[in-house]
Amino acid sequence: MESSMALFNHLKAAEPFFLLAGPNVIESEQHALKMAGHIKSVATKLGLPLVFKSSFDKANRTSSKSFRGPGMEEGLKILEKVKMTHGLPVVTDVHESWQCEAVGRVADIIQIPAFLCRQTDLLVAAAKTGKIINIKKGQMCAASVMENSAEKIRLAGNPNVMVCERGTMHGYNDLVFDPRNLEWLREANCPVVADITHSLQQPAGRKLEGGGVASGGLRELIPCIARTAVAAGVDGIFMEVHDDPLSAPVDGPTQWPLRHLEELLEELIAIARVSKGKKPFKIDLTPYTE
């Protein structure tokens, strides 16, 4: 718990923001190590605290035929190798309560997927690991729901919790990024993270050759969403990054190209440093007199 608290405080104090970044899913040990090395190089150059992100199992894929990852046992070995090789903390997600103990032995941050943000048993099991818990806001949920989800973590004895905006369902195959949520999520009394890549998914919005559907996305709007988020004063940015997005086995349409990572982050840092978004605007409603 002490090491988790130290990392949590380090991330909370980050100026202008911290970064959770990496490929959507672990594709291989070689790829994970390569991506971690490149992203670390950029983050270090820009002075951003980095937590490397990748998933060992995408259990909520649109199709049962889709690539899910190497599985928990192999995936955790690879994440452990990333930690040892690059000296980086790591974040990965869990889908079932029984996974939390094993994942907590490796991951520095345990992520709760958006679809599962209200699942009490999962939240409690994750909290009991003592690790930092990042809860994605459900696509179907109001921001106010996250106040209760964060409180479930605290009531389980773990104060190290953050909440993450990742878009809201708009119709059947689209998400919208509502900047108001970045302010409303502060009611959870913890760091607020903006997921600038998943927020632009188009769930089950892409038809596949031979039948079936997969998630599409609007990669070209990632800079727009990112600029909005840092101007609003978020504490952290979550983004999925890939060296070859068109060949990525999962969520290719919403992974940001590695070659443009430094360029985008430089712009976001510049915006964040001139914004007063982290401080509430004091509105005076007394009658105006000259």
Protein backbone atom coordinates (compact mmCIF):
# COMPACT_ATOMS: atom_id res chain seq x y z
CA MET A 1 0.00 0.00 0.00
CA GLU A 2 2.89 2.39 0.75
CA SER A 3 4.36 2.04 -2.74
CA SER A 4 0.91 2.50 -4.27
CA MET A 5 0.33 5.62 -2.20
CA ALA A 6 3.71 7.02 -3.26
CA LEU A 7 2.91 6.46 -6.95
CA PHE A 8 -0.61 7.84 -6.47
CA ASN A 9 0.72 11.03 -4.87
CA HIS A 10 3.34 11.34 -7.61
CA LEU A 11 0.68 11.14 -10.31
CA LYS A 12 -1.66 13.54 -8.50
CA ALA A 13 1.14 16.10 -8.28
CA ALA A 14 2.03 15.82 -11.98
CA GLU A 15 2.22 19.10 -13.88
CA PRO A 16 0.61 19.59 -16.22
CA PHE A 17 -0.69 15.97 -16.36
CA PHE A 18 0.39 12.33 -16.18
CA LEU A 19 0.19 9.83 -19.02
CA LEU A 20 -1.22 6.30 -19.23
CA ALA A 21 -0.21 5.03 -22.65
CA GLY A 22 0.56 1.93 -24.68
CA PRO A 23 -0.91 -0.45 -27.24
CA ASN A 24 -4.45 -1.66 -26.64
CA VAL A 25 -3.48 -5.30 -26.17
CA ILE A 26 -0.26 -7.23 -25.60
CA GLU A 27 0.64 -8.61 -29.04
CA SER A 28 3.99 -10.15 -28.09
CA GLU A 29 6.79 -9.63 -25.59
CA GLN A 30 8.96 -8.05 -28.27
CA HIS A 31 6.26 -5.58 -29.31
CA ALA A 32 5.40 -4.61 -25.72
CA LEU A 33 9.05 -3.98 -24.87
CA LYS A 34 9.60 -1.96 -28.04
CA MET A 35 6.52 0.19 -27.50
CA ALA A 36 7.33 0.77 -23.83
CA GLY A 37 10.83 1.89 -24.75
CA HIS A 38 9.67 4.35 -27.39
CA ILE A 39 6.88 5.82 -25.28
CA LYS A 40 9.17 6.14 -22.26
CA SER A 41 11.70 8.02 -24.38
CA VAL A 42 9.05 10.56 -25.43
CA ALA A 43 7.55 10.95 -21.95
CA THR A 44 10.97 11.38 -20.35
CA LYS A 45 11.97 14.02 -22.90
CA LEU A 46 8.77 15.96 -22.19
CA GLY A 47 8.86 15.47 -18.41
CA LEU A 48 5.59 13.55 -18.15
CA PRO A 49 5.10 10.80 -15.53
CA LEU A 50 4.30 7.65 -17.52
CA VAL A 51 2.45 4.43 -16.72
CA PHE A 52 2.67 1.86 -19.51
CA LYS A 53 -0.70 0.41 -20.52
CA SER A 54 -1.57 -2.83 -22.28
CA SER A 55 -4.20 -5.54 -21.78
CA PHE A 56 -3.57 -9.26 -21.42
CA ASP A 57 -7.15 -10.21 -22.38
CA LYS A 58 -9.80 -8.20 -24.19
CA ALA A 59 -12.73 -10.15 -22.80
CA ASN A 60 -15.38 -7.80 -24.18
CA ARG A 61 -14.47 -7.93 -27.88
CA THR A 62 -17.30 -7.40 -30.35
CA SER A 63 -16.77 -10.80 -31.99
CA SER A 64 -15.76 -14.16 -30.52
CA LYS A 65 -13.43 -14.51 -33.51
CA SER A 66 -11.45 -11.39 -32.59
CA PHE A 67 -7.95 -11.44 -31.11
CA ARG A 68 -8.08 -11.20 -27.31
CA GLY A 69 -4.43 -11.26 -26.25
CA PRO A 70 -2.05 -13.77 -24.66
CA GLY A 71 -4.14 -14.45 -21.56
CA MET A 72 -3.47 -13.56 -17.95
CA GLU A 73 -0.54 -15.84 -17.12
CA GLU A 74 1.56 -15.01 -20.17
CA GLY A 75 0.41 -11.40 -20.25
CA LEU A 76 1.48 -10.73 -16.67
CA LYS A 77 4.91 -12.22 -17.38
CA ILE A 78 5.31 -9.77 -20.26
CA LEU A 79 4.18 -6.81 -18.18
CA GLU A 80 6.63 -7.85 -15.46
CA LYS A 81 9.37 -7.90 -18.11
CA VAL A 82 8.37 -4.38 -19.19
CA LYS A 83 8.66 -3.19 -15.59
CA MET A 84 12.07 -4.79 -15.10
CA THR A 85 13.49 -3.71 -18.46
CA HIS A 86 12.27 -0.12 -18.58
CA GLY A 87 11.64 0.70 -14.91
CA LEU A 88 8.05 1.71 -15.63
CA PRO A 89 4.88 1.21 -13.60
CA VAL A 90 2.17 -0.60 -15.56
CA VAL A 91 -1.62 -0.51 -15.80
CA THR A 92 -3.82 -3.32 -17.09
CA ASP A 93 -7.48 -4.22 -16.78
CA VAL A 94 -9.40 -6.99 -15.04
CA HIS A 95 -12.80 -8.41 -15.92
CA GLU A 96 -13.48 -10.85 -13.10
CA SER A 97 -12.95 -10.72 -9.34
CA TRP A 98 -10.72 -13.81 -9.22
CA GLN A 99 -8.16 -12.11 -11.49
CA CYS A 100 -7.45 -9.25 -9.10
CA GLU A 101 -5.05 -10.93 -6.69
CA ALA A 102 -2.72 -12.20 -9.43
CA VAL A 103 -2.90 -8.96 -11.41
CA GLY A 104 -2.23 -6.96 -8.25
CA ARG A 105 1.09 -8.75 -7.82
CA VAL A 106 2.33 -7.19 -11.08
CA ALA A 107 0.23 -4.16 -12.03
CA ASP A 108 0.72 -0.82 -10.30
CA ILE A 109 -2.70 0.35 -11.47
CA ILE A 110 -5.67 -1.97 -11.94
CA GLN A 111 -8.18 -0.70 -14.46
CA ILE A 112 -11.91 -1.41 -14.28
CA PRO A 113 -13.48 -1.53 -17.78
CA ALA A 114 -16.31 0.88 -18.49
CA PHE A 115 -18.94 -1.83 -18.87
CA LEU A 116 -18.08 -3.04 -15.35
CA CYS A 117 -17.79 0.27 -13.50
CA ARG A 118 -20.69 -0.52 -11.14
CA GLN A 119 -19.82 -4.16 -10.38
CA THR A 120 -19.38 -4.05 -6.62
CA ASP A 121 -17.66 -7.43 -6.16
CA LEU A 122 -15.10 -6.58 -8.87
CA LEU A 123 -14.45 -3.12 -7.44
CA VAL A 124 -13.99 -4.48 -3.92
CA ALA A 125 -11.69 -7.30 -5.07
CA ALA A 126 -9.57 -4.81 -6.98
CA ALA A 127 -9.50 -2.40 -4.05
CA LYS A 128 -8.29 -5.09 -1.66
CA THR A 129 -5.08 -5.50 -3.66
CA GLY A 130 -4.04 -2.08 -2.36
CA LYS A 131 -3.09 -0.98 -5.86
CA ILE A 132 -4.29 2.22 -7.54
CA ILE A 133 -7.67 1.65 -9.16
CA ASN A 134 -8.61 3.46 -12.38
CA ILE A 135 -12.35 3.18 -13.04
CA LYS A 136 -13.56 3.88 -16.55
CA LYS A 137 -16.94 5.63 -16.65
CA GLY A 138 -19.53 3.42 -18.29
CA GLN A 139 -20.65 4.51 -21.73
CA MET A 140 -24.23 4.29 -20.47
CA CYS A 141 -23.61 6.12 -17.18
CA ALA A 142 -23.92 9.67 -15.96
CA ALA A 143 -20.79 11.15 -14.42
CA SER A 144 -22.53 11.13 -11.02
CA VAL A 145 -22.40 7.31 -10.99
CA MET A 146 -18.64 7.45 -10.62
CA GLU A 147 -18.86 9.12 -7.24
CA ASN A 148 -20.46 5.94 -5.91
CA SER A 149 -18.01 3.67 -7.73
CA ALA A 150 -15.03 5.54 -6.27
CA GLU A 151 -16.58 5.36 -2.83
CA LYS A 152 -16.84 1.57 -3.11
CA ILE A 153 -13.05 1.49 -3.47
CA ARG A 154 -12.53 3.71 -0.43
CA LEU A 155 -15.00 1.77 1.71
CA ALA A 156 -12.99 -1.36 0.92
CA GLY A 157 -10.01 0.33 2.57
CA ASN A 158 -8.18 1.72 -0.47
CA PRO A 159 -7.91 5.51 -0.92
CA ASN A 160 -5.97 5.22 -4.19
CA VAL A 161 -8.65 5.65 -6.82
CA MET A 162 -9.06 7.66 -10.02
CA VAL A 163 -11.93 7.94 -12.51
CA CYS A 164 -11.76 8.11 -16.28
CA GLU A 165 -14.01 9.63 -18.93
CA ARG A 166 -14.21 7.48 -22.09
CA GLY A 167 -17.26 8.75 -23.94
CA THR A 168 -21.03 8.31 -23.76
CA MET A 169 -23.24 6.27 -26.08
CA HIS A 170 -25.00 8.35 -28.70
CA GLY A 171 -27.41 6.12 -30.55
CA TYR A 172 -26.30 2.59 -31.41
CA ASN A 173 -22.90 2.87 -33.05
CA ASP A 174 -21.36 6.07 -31.80
CA LEU A 175 -19.91 7.77 -28.74
CA VAL A 176 -19.76 11.45 -27.86
CA PHE A 177 -17.18 13.10 -25.63
CA ASP A 178 -19.02 15.48 -23.31
CA PRO A 179 -16.53 17.94 -21.75
CA ARG A 180 -19.01 18.68 -18.96
CA ASN A 181 -18.23 15.24 -17.56
CA LEU A 182 -14.64 16.30 -16.89
CA GLU A 183 -15.97 18.84 -14.40
CA TRP A 184 -18.72 16.65 -12.98
CA LEU A 185 -16.32 13.74 -12.41
CA ARG A 186 -14.46 15.91 -9.89
CA GLU A 187 -17.36 15.22 -7.54
CA ALA A 188 -15.77 11.78 -7.03
CA ASN A 189 -13.01 13.65 -5.15
CA CYS A 190 -10.11 11.98 -6.92
CA PRO A 191 -7.91 12.47 -10.00
CA VAL A 192 -9.78 12.70 -13.31
CA VAL A 193 -8.38 11.01 -16.42
CA ALA A 194 -9.52 11.54 -20.00
CA ASP A 195 -9.38 8.58 -22.36
CA ILE A 196 -8.81 10.43 -25.63
CA THR A 197 -8.79 7.34 -27.84
CA HIS A 198 -11.66 5.05 -26.72
CA SER A 199 -13.88 8.13 -26.56
CA LEU A 200 -13.81 8.16 -30.34
CA GLN A 201 -14.82 4.55 -30.87
CA GLN A 202 -17.82 3.67 -33.02
CA PRO A 203 -18.87 0.42 -31.29
CA ALA A 204 -19.82 -2.36 -33.70
CA GLY A 205 -19.84 0.29 -36.39
CA ARG A 206 -17.61 -1.42 -38.94
CA LYS A 207 -18.75 -4.32 -41.10
CA LEU A 208 -16.22 -7.04 -41.79
CA GLU A 209 -15.65 -8.95 -45.00
CA GLY A 210 -17.29 -12.34 -44.70
CA GLY A 211 -19.82 -11.10 -42.16
CA GLY A 212 -19.76 -9.78 -38.64
CA VAL A 213 -18.94 -6.37 -37.20
CA ALA A 214 -16.10 -4.69 -35.35
CA SER A 215 -15.58 -1.33 -33.69
CA GLY A 216 -14.68 1.57 -35.90
CA GLY A 217 -13.37 4.93 -34.81
CA LEU A 218 -12.49 8.52 -35.61
CA ARG A 219 -8.73 8.69 -35.11
CA GLU A 220 -8.52 12.06 -36.87
CA LEU A 221 -10.47 13.65 -33.99
CA ILE A 222 -8.10 12.47 -31.23
CA PRO A 223 -6.22 15.81 -31.20
CA CYS A 224 -9.52 17.71 -30.89
CA ILE A 225 -10.65 15.66 -27.90
CA ALA A 226 -7.19 15.80 -26.32
CA ARG A 227 -6.99 19.58 -26.62
CA THR A 228 -10.39 19.92 -24.99
CA ALA A 229 -9.45 17.62 -22.12
CA VAL A 230 -6.21 19.36 -21.16
CA ALA A 231 -7.81 22.79 -21.48
CA ALA A 232 -10.44 21.60 -19.01
CA GLY A 233 -7.67 20.67 -16.57
CA VAL A 234 -7.70 16.89 -16.40
CA ASP A 235 -5.13 15.28 -14.14
CA GLY A 236 -4.21 12.50 -16.55
CA ILE A 237 -4.39 11.50 -20.20
CA PHE A 238 -5.09 7.90 -21.21
CA MET A 239 -4.28 7.03 -24.80
CA GLU A 240 -3.61 3.95 -26.85
CA VAL A 241 -0.56 4.22 -29.08
CA HIS A 242 0.64 1.89 -31.83
CA ASP A 243 3.60 1.80 -34.21
CA ASP A 244 1.42 0.40 -37.02
CA PRO A 245 -2.24 1.27 -36.30
CA LEU A 246 -3.56 -0.11 -39.60
CA SER A 247 -2.24 -3.55 -38.65
CA ALA A 248 -3.21 -3.44 -34.97
CA PRO A 249 -5.27 -6.54 -34.05
CA VAL A 250 -7.51 -4.57 -31.66
CA ASP A 251 -9.01 -1.07 -31.91
CA GLY A 252 -6.77 -0.03 -34.78
CA PRO A 253 -9.10 2.85 -35.82
CA THR A 254 -8.62 4.61 -32.47
CA GLN A 255 -4.95 3.99 -31.71
CA TRP A 256 -2.69 7.02 -32.12
CA PRO A 257 0.36 6.61 -34.38
CA LEU A 258 3.59 6.36 -32.40
CA ARG A 259 5.36 8.66 -34.90
CA HIS A 260 3.03 11.52 -33.91
CA LEU A 261 3.08 10.95 -30.13
CA GLU A 262 5.71 13.55 -29.26
CA GLU A 263 4.17 16.15 -31.56
CA LEU A 264 0.72 15.78 -30.01
CA LEU A 265 1.96 15.70 -26.41
CA GLU A 266 4.05 18.83 -26.93
CA GLU A 267 0.93 20.69 -28.03
CA LEU A 268 -1.14 19.34 -25.14
CA ILE A 269 1.50 20.39 -22.61
CA ALA A 270 1.54 23.91 -24.06
CA ILE A 271 -2.27 24.17 -23.83
CA ALA A 272 -2.40 22.76 -20.31
CA ARG A 273 0.21 25.20 -19.03
CA VAL A 274 -1.76 28.26 -20.07
CA SER A 275 -5.15 26.91 -19.03
CA LYS A 276 -6.71 27.56 -15.63
CA GLY A 277 -8.93 24.51 -16.02
CA LYS A 278 -7.81 22.83 -12.78
CA LYS A 279 -9.17 25.72 -10.74
CA PRO A 280 -12.93 26.39 -10.46
CA PHE A 281 -14.08 29.68 -11.93
CA LYS A 282 -15.55 31.84 -9.20
CA ILE A 283 -18.78 33.32 -10.51
CA ASP A 284 -20.08 36.45 -8.79
CA LEU A 285 -23.86 36.72 -9.12
CA THR A 286 -24.32 39.90 -7.10
CA PRO A 287 -25.87 42.75 -9.09
CA TYR A 288 -23.38 44.58 -11.26
CA THR A 289 -23.00 48.26 -10.50
CA GLU A 290 -20.77 50.76 -12.22
